[in-house]
Amino acid sequence: MDDTRSRQVVIAGAGVAGLTAALAFSEQGYLVRLFEQAPRLEAAGAGIQLSPNATRILRQLGVLDRLLPAAVRPEAVVLRDAATLRELARVPLGEEAERRWHAPYLVAHRADLQDALMARLAEQPDISLVTGARVGGIAAGPRHTTATVEIAGTTVEADGFLLIGADGVWSAIRALGGFAAKSRFSGELAWRATISADSVAGE
C-alpha cells in the first residue's frame, strides 16, 4: 500500500460523529476524506447535553472554546413530579461538576455544536469535506478499503486504511459492509423543546 493510502481515513457522514472523528484522526496526523450525502450541512435535532466526558474531548480537539459562548452551564439536573412539580432528585452540576470532572457539563443547541466543529475543521488542511457525495460501494482488501463515491453524477474512488460509517441510525455503510442488523422504528417518540429563560416556564 502506498504511503497516502496507509495514512488516509475515509468517513461517510458529516454529522456530529463524523466531524468529531475527522478532527480526532487529523489531530493524530492522518489525512481524512469526509463525504456527506446531503448537498449542504444542516443540523438535525434540538438541544443536546454534553457530559464532561464529551467536553473534555472537545477541548482536546480545539472545539470547546468555540462552543462555550453559545452553550449553557446548568447548575443542576432536577427531576420533578409532573403533576405537583415536587422535587424528586437533584444532581449538582456547574462549578462543582467542573471541579470534580475537570471539564464542564453543558447544554447547547445541536446546530451550535455543529458550527463549532465545522469552524475547527475548516482550519485543518488535512481534512477534505465533500457534500452531495453518496458512498455507493465498498471494496475491502487485506490492507486497505476503497469506497466508491457518487458526486454530481461522477463516480470517484476513495482509498484508505480505514472506512468509518458515521451516517446515522439508518446507515447505508453498514448495509454495504454486509452487516445484517437493521434499524427499526420502535413506535416511541420523545419530544424536546427550547424555552426562553425569561419566560414563566423558564423561571
C-alpha atoms as a PDB file:
ATOM      1  CA  MET A   1       0.000   0.000   0.000  1.00  0.00           C
ATOM      2  CA  ASP A   2       1.363   3.444  -0.854  1.00  0.00           C
ATOM      3  CA  ASP A   3       2.015   5.965   1.913  1.00  0.00           C
ATOM      4  CA  THR A   4      -1.045   8.099   1.126  1.00  0.00           C
ATOM      5  CA  ARG A   5      -3.479   5.211   1.493  1.00  0.00           C
ATOM      6  CA  SER A   6      -1.709   3.989   4.625  1.00  0.00           C
ATOM      7  CA  ARG A   7      -2.265   7.402   6.258  1.00  0.00           C
ATOM      8  CA  GLN A   8      -5.760   8.143   4.931  1.00  0.00           C
ATOM      9  CA  VAL A   9      -9.115   7.676   6.668  1.00  0.00           C
ATOM     10  CA  VAL A  10     -12.397   7.787   4.746  1.00  0.00           C
ATOM     11  CA  ILE A  11     -15.509   8.849   6.672  1.00  0.00           C
ATOM     12  CA  ALA A  12     -19.102   8.683   5.431  1.00  0.00           C
ATOM     13  CA  GLY A  13     -21.375  11.142   7.209  1.00  0.00           C
ATOM     14  CA  ALA A  14     -20.617  14.692   8.382  1.00  0.00           C
ATOM     15  CA  GLY A  15     -22.895  14.935  11.380  1.00  0.00           C
ATOM     16  CA  VAL A  16     -21.578  15.424  14.901  1.00  0.00           C
ATOM     17  CA  ALA A  17     -19.977  11.955  14.950  1.00  0.00           C
ATOM     18  CA  GLY A  18     -18.341  12.250  11.532  1.00  0.00           C
ATOM     19  CA  LEU A  19     -16.971  15.749  12.138  1.00  0.00           C
ATOM     20  CA  THR A  20     -15.594  14.750  15.544  1.00  0.00           C
ATOM     21  CA  ALA A  21     -13.968  11.615  14.126  1.00  0.00           C
ATOM     22  CA  ALA A  22     -12.398  13.647  11.310  1.00  0.00           C
ATOM     23  CA  LEU A  23     -10.861  16.094  13.778  1.00  0.00           C
ATOM     24  CA  ALA A  24      -9.630  13.297  16.040  1.00  0.00           C
ATOM     25  CA  PHE A  25      -7.845  11.483  13.199  1.00  0.00           C
ATOM     26  CA  SER A  26      -6.425  14.739  11.851  1.00  0.00           C
ATOM     27  CA  GLU A  27      -5.003  15.536  15.294  1.00  0.00           C
ATOM     28  CA  GLN A  28      -3.115  12.221  15.083  1.00  0.00           C
ATOM     29  CA  GLY A  29      -1.593  13.130  11.720  1.00  0.00           C
ATOM     30  CA  TYR A  30      -3.909  11.255   9.365  1.00  0.00           C
ATOM     31  CA  LEU A  31      -5.315  12.532   6.094  1.00  0.00           C
ATOM     32  CA  VAL A  32      -9.115  12.496   6.190  1.00  0.00           C
ATOM     33  CA  ARG A  33     -11.626  12.415   3.333  1.00  0.00           C
ATOM     34  CA  LEU A  34     -15.108  13.184   4.645  1.00  0.00           C
ATOM     35  CA  PHE A  35     -18.166  12.566   2.466  1.00  0.00           C
ATOM     36  CA  GLU A  36     -21.680  13.822   3.226  1.00  0.00           C
ATOM     37  CA  GLN A  37     -24.701  12.749   1.215  1.00  0.00           C
ATOM     38  CA  ALA A  38     -26.705  15.938   1.853  1.00  0.00           C
ATOM     39  CA  PRO A  39     -25.984  18.824  -0.548  1.00  0.00           C
ATOM     40  CA  ARG A  40     -25.325  21.105   2.418  1.00  0.00           C
ATOM     41  CA  LEU A  41     -24.822  20.597   6.130  1.00  0.00           C
ATOM     42  CA  GLU A  42     -27.898  21.297   8.227  1.00  0.00           C
ATOM     43  CA  ALA A  43     -28.249  20.490  11.903  1.00  0.00           C
ATOM     44  CA  ALA A  44     -30.947  17.992  12.852  1.00  0.00           C
ATOM     45  CA  GLY A  45     -32.439  17.882  16.320  1.00  0.00           C
ATOM     46  CA  ALA A  46     -32.705  20.447  19.065  1.00  0.00           C
ATOM     47  CA  GLY A  47     -30.939  20.617  22.402  1.00  0.00           C
ATOM     48  CA  ILE A  48     -28.056  18.336  23.282  1.00  0.00           C
ATOM     49  CA  GLN A  49     -26.497  17.560  26.650  1.00  0.00           C
ATOM     50  CA  LEU A  50     -22.713  17.331  26.717  1.00  0.00           C
ATOM     51  CA  SER A  51     -21.253  15.471  29.667  1.00  0.00           C
ATOM     52  CA  PRO A  52     -17.724  16.211  30.958  1.00  0.00           C
ATOM     53  CA  ASN A  53     -16.510  13.151  29.018  1.00  0.00           C
ATOM     54  CA  ALA A  54     -17.667  14.852  25.813  1.00  0.00           C
ATOM     55  CA  THR A  55     -16.499  18.388  26.625  1.00  0.00           C
ATOM     56  CA  ARG A  56     -13.070  17.078  27.606  1.00  0.00           C
ATOM     57  CA  ILE A  57     -12.712  15.614  24.099  1.00  0.00           C
ATOM     58  CA  LEU A  58     -13.995  18.817  22.523  1.00  0.00           C
ATOM     59  CA  ARG A  59     -11.350  20.738  24.474  1.00  0.00           C
ATOM     60  CA  GLN A  60      -8.604  18.401  23.230  1.00  0.00           C
ATOM     61  CA  LEU A  61      -9.801  18.921  19.649  1.00  0.00           C
ATOM     62  CA  GLY A  62      -9.817  22.727  19.958  1.00  0.00           C
ATOM     63  CA  VAL A  63     -13.614  22.956  19.695  1.00  0.00           C
ATOM     64  CA  LEU A  64     -14.774  23.742  23.235  1.00  0.00           C
ATOM     65  CA  ASP A  65     -13.792  27.428  23.325  1.00  0.00           C
ATOM     66  CA  ARG A  66     -15.789  27.993  20.132  1.00  0.00           C
ATOM     67  CA  LEU A  67     -18.870  26.368  21.639  1.00  0.00           C
ATOM     68  CA  LEU A  68     -18.839  27.951  25.114  1.00  0.00           C
ATOM     69  CA  PRO A  69     -20.334  31.353  24.114  1.00  0.00           C
ATOM     70  CA  ALA A  70     -23.419  29.586  22.719  1.00  0.00           C
ATOM     71  CA  ALA A  71     -23.759  26.973  25.481  1.00  0.00           C
ATOM     72  CA  VAL A  72     -25.314  26.972  28.948  1.00  0.00           C
ATOM     73  CA  ARG A  73     -23.705  25.600  32.122  1.00  0.00           C
ATOM     74  CA  PRO A  74     -26.690  24.282  34.133  1.00  0.00           C
ATOM     75  CA  GLU A  75     -26.367  24.384  37.908  1.00  0.00           C
ATOM     76  CA  ALA A  76     -28.129  21.049  38.353  1.00  0.00           C
ATOM     77  CA  VAL A  77     -30.247  18.354  36.776  1.00  0.00           C
ATOM     78  CA  VAL A  78     -33.537  18.396  38.682  1.00  0.00           C
ATOM     79  CA  LEU A  79     -36.181  15.672  38.493  1.00  0.00           C
ATOM     80  CA  ARG A  80     -39.720  16.735  39.438  1.00  0.00           C
ATOM     81  CA  ASP A  81     -43.107  15.144  39.732  1.00  0.00           C
ATOM     82  CA  ALA A  82     -45.021  16.208  36.624  1.00  0.00           C
ATOM     83  CA  ALA A  83     -48.309  16.746  38.455  1.00  0.00           C
ATOM     84  CA  THR A  84     -47.095  18.656  41.520  1.00  0.00           C
ATOM     85  CA  LEU A  85     -43.618  19.894  40.446  1.00  0.00           C
ATOM     86  CA  ARG A  86     -42.306  18.468  43.742  1.00  0.00           C
ATOM     87  CA  GLU A  87     -38.559  17.936  43.513  1.00  0.00           C
ATOM     88  CA  LEU A  88     -37.685  14.246  43.486  1.00  0.00           C
ATOM     89  CA  ALA A  89     -33.928  14.302  42.929  1.00  0.00           C
ATOM     90  CA  ARG A  90     -31.107  16.713  42.149  1.00  0.00           C
ATOM     91  CA  VAL A  91     -27.681  16.150  40.574  1.00  0.00           C
ATOM     92  CA  PRO A  92     -25.378  19.133  41.236  1.00  0.00           C
ATOM     93  CA  LEU A  93     -23.502  20.419  38.178  1.00  0.00           C
ATOM     94  CA  GLY A  94     -21.986  23.843  37.436  1.00  0.00           C
ATOM     95  CA  GLU A  95     -18.704  24.649  39.170  1.00  0.00           C
ATOM     96  CA  GLU A  96     -18.993  21.598  41.421  1.00  0.00           C
ATOM     97  CA  ALA A  97     -19.136  19.269  38.430  1.00  0.00           C
ATOM     98  CA  GLU A  98     -16.209  21.020  36.771  1.00  0.00           C
ATOM     99  CA  ARG A  99     -14.078  20.674  39.900  1.00  0.00           C
ATOM    100  CA  ARG A 100     -14.961  17.003  40.123  1.00  0.00           C
ATOM    101  CA  TRP A 101     -14.570  16.007  36.487  1.00  0.00           C
ATOM    102  CA  HIS A 102     -12.170  18.758  35.283  1.00  0.00           C
ATOM    103  CA  ALA A 103     -14.467  19.622  32.392  1.00  0.00           C
ATOM    104  CA  PRO A 104     -17.843  21.379  32.175  1.00  0.00           C
ATOM    105  CA  TYR A 105     -21.288  19.876  31.785  1.00  0.00           C
ATOM    106  CA  LEU A 106     -23.002  21.851  29.016  1.00  0.00           C
ATOM    107  CA  VAL A 107     -26.353  22.155  27.317  1.00  0.00           C
ATOM    108  CA  ALA A 108     -26.281  23.507  23.762  1.00  0.00           C
ATOM    109  CA  HIS A 109     -28.205  23.526  20.535  1.00  0.00           C
ATOM    110  CA  ARG A 110     -27.034  20.838  18.136  1.00  0.00           C
ATOM    111  CA  ALA A 111     -26.594  23.458  15.397  1.00  0.00           C
ATOM    112  CA  ASP A 112     -24.170  25.418  17.597  1.00  0.00           C
ATOM    113  CA  LEU A 113     -22.109  22.299  18.269  1.00  0.00           C
ATOM    114  CA  GLN A 114     -22.011  21.519  14.562  1.00  0.00           C
ATOM    115  CA  ASP A 115     -20.959  25.104  13.772  1.00  0.00           C
ATOM    116  CA  ALA A 116     -18.121  24.890  16.314  1.00  0.00           C
ATOM    117  CA  LEU A 117     -16.939  21.583  14.854  1.00  0.00           C
ATOM    118  CA  MET A 118     -17.093  22.982  11.309  1.00  0.00           C
ATOM    119  CA  ALA A 119     -15.130  26.103  12.271  1.00  0.00           C
ATOM    120  CA  ARG A 120     -12.353  23.941  13.677  1.00  0.00           C
ATOM    121  CA  LEU A 121     -12.492  21.580  10.709  1.00  0.00           C
ATOM    122  CA  ALA A 122     -12.009  24.497   8.312  1.00  0.00           C
ATOM    123  CA  GLU A 123      -8.602  25.129   9.914  1.00  0.00           C
ATOM    124  CA  GLN A 124      -7.351  21.609   9.220  1.00  0.00           C
ATOM    125  CA  PRO A 125      -5.659  21.323   5.794  1.00  0.00           C
ATOM    126  CA  ASP A 126      -5.500  17.529   6.077  1.00  0.00           C
ATOM    127  CA  ILE A 127      -9.314  17.181   6.096  1.00  0.00           C
ATOM    128  CA  SER A 128     -11.304  17.426   2.870  1.00  0.00           C
ATOM    129  CA  LEU A 129     -15.104  17.618   3.118  1.00  0.00           C
ATOM    130  CA  VAL A 130     -17.299  16.918   0.095  1.00  0.00           C
ATOM    131  CA  THR A 131     -21.083  17.371   0.291  1.00  0.00           C
ATOM    132  CA  GLY A 132     -23.600  15.887  -2.139  1.00  0.00           C
ATOM    133  CA  ALA A 133     -21.490  12.716  -2.096  1.00  0.00           C
ATOM    134  CA  ARG A 134     -23.051   9.285  -1.642  1.00  0.00           C
ATOM    135  CA  VAL A 135     -20.986   6.180  -0.928  1.00  0.00           C
ATOM    136  CA  GLY A 136     -22.414   3.543  -3.263  1.00  0.00           C
ATOM    137  CA  GLY A 137     -19.970   0.681  -2.845  1.00  0.00           C
ATOM    138  CA  ILE A 138     -17.157  -0.700  -0.720  1.00  0.00           C
ATOM    139  CA  ALA A 139     -14.279  -2.993  -1.667  1.00  0.00           C
ATOM    140  CA  ALA A 140     -12.233  -4.208   1.275  1.00  0.00           C
ATOM    141  CA  GLY A 141      -8.746  -5.581   0.723  1.00  0.00           C
ATOM    142  CA  PRO A 142      -6.313  -7.084   3.227  1.00  0.00           C
ATOM    143  CA  ARG A 143      -4.610  -3.735   3.893  1.00  0.00           C
ATOM    144  CA  HIS A 144      -6.952  -1.031   2.622  1.00  0.00           C
ATOM    145  CA  THR A 145     -10.559  -0.203   1.770  1.00  0.00           C
ATOM    146  CA  THR A 146     -11.889   1.512  -1.339  1.00  0.00           C
ATOM    147  CA  ALA A 147     -15.166   3.428  -1.239  1.00  0.00           C
ATOM    148  CA  THR A 148     -16.969   4.192  -4.486  1.00  0.00           C
ATOM    149  CA  VAL A 149     -18.484   7.657  -4.160  1.00  0.00           C
ATOM    150  CA  GLU A 150     -21.031   9.320  -6.440  1.00  0.00           C
ATOM    151  CA  ILE A 151     -20.610  13.100  -6.675  1.00  0.00           C
ATOM    152  CA  ALA A 152     -22.787  15.166  -9.030  1.00  0.00           C
ATOM    153  CA  GLY A 153     -23.169  12.297 -11.483  1.00  0.00           C
ATOM    154  CA  THR A 154     -19.491  11.371 -11.395  1.00  0.00           C
ATOM    155  CA  THR A 155     -18.082   8.289  -9.684  1.00  0.00           C
ATOM    156  CA  VAL A 156     -14.784   8.564  -7.825  1.00  0.00           C
ATOM    157  CA  GLU A 157     -12.859   6.134  -5.648  1.00  0.00           C
ATOM    158  CA  ALA A 158     -11.540   6.973  -2.198  1.00  0.00           C
ATOM    159  CA  ASP A 159      -8.857   4.706  -0.746  1.00  0.00           C
ATOM    160  CA  GLY A 160      -7.781   4.459   2.857  1.00  0.00           C
ATOM    161  CA  PHE A 161      -6.662   2.044   5.520  1.00  0.00           C
ATOM    162  CA  LEU A 162      -9.937   2.637   7.351  1.00  0.00           C
ATOM    163  CA  LEU A 163     -13.543   3.441   6.390  1.00  0.00           C
ATOM    164  CA  ILE A 164     -15.838   4.828   9.084  1.00  0.00           C
ATOM    165  CA  GLY A 165     -19.605   4.765   8.706  1.00  0.00           C
ATOM    166  CA  ALA A 166     -20.850   7.809  10.636  1.00  0.00           C
ATOM    167  CA  ASP A 167     -24.022   8.028   8.589  1.00  0.00           C
ATOM    168  CA  GLY A 168     -26.552   7.590  11.350  1.00  0.00           C
ATOM    169  CA  VAL A 169     -29.028   5.038  12.606  1.00  0.00           C
ATOM    170  CA  TRP A 170     -30.189   4.201   9.059  1.00  0.00           C
ATOM    171  CA  SER A 171     -26.575   3.641   7.971  1.00  0.00           C
ATOM    172  CA  ALA A 172     -26.021   2.708   4.335  1.00  0.00           C
ATOM    173  CA  ILE A 173     -22.389   1.855   5.126  1.00  0.00           C
ATOM    174  CA  ARG A 174     -23.493  -0.895   7.487  1.00  0.00           C
ATOM    175  CA  ALA A 175     -25.534  -2.492   4.727  1.00  0.00           C
ATOM    176  CA  LEU A 176     -22.735  -2.111   2.164  1.00  0.00           C
ATOM    177  CA  GLY A 177     -20.364  -3.779   4.597  1.00  0.00           C
ATOM    178  CA  GLY A 178     -22.554  -6.869   4.684  1.00  0.00           C
ATOM    179  CA  PHE A 179     -23.835  -6.472   8.223  1.00  0.00           C
ATOM    180  CA  ALA A 180     -27.332  -7.870   8.583  1.00  0.00           C
ATOM    181  CA  ALA A 181     -28.502  -5.819  11.564  1.00  0.00           C
ATOM    182  CA  LYS A 182     -31.210  -3.349  10.587  1.00  0.00           C
ATOM    183  CA  SER A 183     -32.590  -0.393  12.479  1.00  0.00           C
ATOM    184  CA  ARG A 184     -36.306  -0.396  13.121  1.00  0.00           C
ATOM    185  CA  PHE A 185     -38.718   2.256  14.347  1.00  0.00           C
ATOM    186  CA  SER A 186     -39.973   1.316  17.815  1.00  0.00           C
ATOM    187  CA  GLY A 187     -43.075   3.487  17.584  1.00  0.00           C
ATOM    188  CA  GLU A 188     -41.921   5.554  20.575  1.00  0.00           C
ATOM    189  CA  LEU A 189     -41.186   9.282  20.249  1.00  0.00           C
ATOM    190  CA  ALA A 190     -39.573  11.808  22.577  1.00  0.00           C
ATOM    191  CA  TRP A 191     -40.356  15.489  22.051  1.00  0.00           C
ATOM    192  CA  ARG A 192     -37.991  18.220  23.167  1.00  0.00           C
ATOM    193  CA  ALA A 193     -38.383  21.965  23.069  1.00  0.00           C
ATOM    194  CA  THR A 194     -36.400  25.073  23.914  1.00  0.00           C
ATOM    195  CA  ILE A 195     -37.983  27.752  26.098  1.00  0.00           C
ATOM    196  CA  SER A 196     -36.785  31.221  26.991  1.00  0.00           C
ATOM    197  CA  ALA A 197     -35.104  31.523  30.375  1.00  0.00           C
ATOM    198  CA  ASP A 198     -37.071  34.758  30.892  1.00  0.00           C
ATOM    199  CA  SER A 199     -40.434  33.073  30.406  1.00  0.00           C
ATOM    200  CA  VAL A 200     -42.713  31.888  33.205  1.00  0.00           C
ATOM    201  CA  ALA A 201     -41.813  28.279  32.412  1.00  0.00           C
ATOM    202  CA  GLY A 202     -38.122  29.106  32.278  1.00  0.00           C
ATOM    203  CA  GLU A 203     -38.229  30.752  35.700  1.00  0.00           C
END
